[in-house]
């Protein structure tokens, strides 16, 4: 799955839960601009940033190694 697809899904879930960019940022301990830029494809997020946003939404992502 591409990074942009993950960010799109995070944004959709954020809206579905009634959260704003600011609300997600506060819950994840991130800056509002960081969250906005990440979810709108303006910046490529670090893995830690993605994980924090996912955790704030009660989600996780499974990483599978290729053999």
C-alpha atoms as a PDB file:
ATOM      1  CA  UNK A   1       0.000   0.000   0.000  1.00  0.00           C
ATOM      2  CA  UNK A   2       1.308   3.420  -0.917  1.00  0.00           C
ATOM      3  CA  UNK A   3       1.894   6.129   1.656  1.00  0.00           C
ATOM      4  CA  UNK A   4      -0.683   8.374  -0.031  1.00  0.00           C
ATOM      5  CA  UNK A   5      -3.314   5.628   0.305  1.00  0.00           C
ATOM      6  CA  UNK A   6      -2.585   5.263   4.015  1.00  0.00           C
ATOM      7  CA  UNK A   7      -2.852   9.016   4.547  1.00  0.00           C
ATOM      8  CA  UNK A   8      -6.125   9.118   2.610  1.00  0.00           C
ATOM      9  CA  UNK A   9      -7.555   6.381   4.809  1.00  0.00           C
ATOM     10  CA  UNK A  10      -6.380   8.120   7.980  1.00  0.00           C
ATOM     11  CA  UNK A  11      -8.095  11.320   6.824  1.00  0.00           C
ATOM     12  CA  UNK A  12     -11.348   9.475   6.018  1.00  0.00           C
ATOM     13  CA  UNK A  13     -11.364   7.755   9.415  1.00  0.00           C
ATOM     14  CA  UNK A  14     -10.547  11.049  11.152  1.00  0.00           C
ATOM     15  CA  UNK A  15     -13.594  12.695   9.539  1.00  0.00           C
ATOM     16  CA  UNK A  16     -15.792   9.632  10.227  1.00  0.00           C
ATOM     17  CA  UNK A  17     -14.893   9.888  13.926  1.00  0.00           C
ATOM     18  CA  UNK A  18     -15.824  13.581  13.905  1.00  0.00           C
ATOM     19  CA  UNK A  19     -12.262  14.736  14.489  1.00  0.00           C
ATOM     20  CA  UNK A  20     -10.586  17.793  13.050  1.00  0.00           C
ATOM     21  CA  UNK A  21      -6.960  18.192  12.011  1.00  0.00           C
ATOM     22  CA  UNK A  22      -6.392  20.039  15.282  1.00  0.00           C
ATOM     23  CA  UNK A  23      -8.121  17.341  17.314  1.00  0.00           C
ATOM     24  CA  UNK A  24      -6.064  14.568  15.750  1.00  0.00           C
ATOM     25  CA  UNK A  25      -2.884  16.598  16.155  1.00  0.00           C
ATOM     26  CA  UNK A  26      -3.571  17.195  19.851  1.00  0.00           C
ATOM     27  CA  UNK A  27      -4.418  13.564  20.526  1.00  0.00           C
ATOM     28  CA  UNK A  28      -1.337  12.347  18.628  1.00  0.00           C
ATOM     29  CA  UNK A  29       1.001  14.932  20.154  1.00  0.00           C
ATOM     30  CA  UNK A  30       1.744  16.416  16.733  1.00  0.00           C
ATOM     31  CA  UNK A  31       1.505  19.890  15.263  1.00  0.00           C
ATOM     32  CA  UNK A  32      -1.684  20.796  13.401  1.00  0.00           C
ATOM     33  CA  UNK A  33       0.329  21.841  10.350  1.00  0.00           C
ATOM     34  CA  UNK A  34       2.172  18.511  10.387  1.00  0.00           C
ATOM     35  CA  UNK A  35      -1.110  16.577  10.397  1.00  0.00           C
ATOM     36  CA  UNK A  36      -2.670  18.799   7.716  1.00  0.00           C
ATOM     37  CA  UNK A  37       0.358  18.528   5.441  1.00  0.00           C
ATOM     38  CA  UNK A  38       0.626  14.760   5.920  1.00  0.00           C
ATOM     39  CA  UNK A  39      -3.042  14.067   5.220  1.00  0.00           C
ATOM     40  CA  UNK A  40      -3.170  16.374   2.215  1.00  0.00           C
ATOM     41  CA  UNK A  41      -0.028  15.058   0.534  1.00  0.00           C
ATOM     42  CA  UNK A  42       2.017  18.217   1.050  1.00  0.00           C
ATOM     43  CA  UNK A  43       4.791  16.436   2.959  1.00  0.00           C
ATOM     44  CA  UNK A  44       5.974  12.886   3.223  1.00  0.00           C
ATOM     45  CA  UNK A  45       5.566  11.875   6.879  1.00  0.00           C
ATOM     46  CA  UNK A  46       8.085   9.998   8.956  1.00  0.00           C
ATOM     47  CA  UNK A  47       7.008   6.512  10.048  1.00  0.00           C
ATOM     48  CA  UNK A  48       6.774   7.705  13.670  1.00  0.00           C
ATOM     49  CA  UNK A  49       4.332  10.449  12.636  1.00  0.00           C
ATOM     50  CA  UNK A  50       2.110   7.945  10.829  1.00  0.00           C
ATOM     51  CA  UNK A  51       2.153   5.583  13.798  1.00  0.00           C
ATOM     52  CA  UNK A  52       1.244   8.375  16.214  1.00  0.00           C
ATOM     53  CA  UNK A  53      -1.689   9.458  14.042  1.00  0.00           C
ATOM     54  CA  UNK A  54      -2.877   5.868  13.708  1.00  0.00           C
ATOM     55  CA  UNK A  55      -2.573   5.299  17.456  1.00  0.00           C
ATOM     56  CA  UNK A  56      -4.559   8.470  18.178  1.00  0.00           C
ATOM     57  CA  UNK A  57      -7.376   7.029  16.039  1.00  0.00           C
ATOM     58  CA  UNK A  58      -7.182   3.644  17.775  1.00  0.00           C
ATOM     59  CA  UNK A  59      -5.691   1.999  14.677  1.00  0.00           C
ATOM     60  CA  UNK A  60      -2.528   0.112  13.854  1.00  0.00           C
ATOM     61  CA  UNK A  61      -0.672  -1.001  10.771  1.00  0.00           C
ATOM     62  CA  UNK A  62       0.967  -4.333  10.220  1.00  0.00           C
ATOM     63  CA  UNK A  63       4.362  -4.366   8.569  1.00  0.00           C
ATOM     64  CA  UNK A  64       5.149  -7.552   6.702  1.00  0.00           C
ATOM     65  CA  UNK A  65       8.650  -8.291   5.490  1.00  0.00           C
ATOM     66  CA  UNK A  66       9.116  -9.579   1.965  1.00  0.00           C
ATOM     67  CA  UNK A  67      10.942 -12.849   1.777  1.00  0.00           C
END
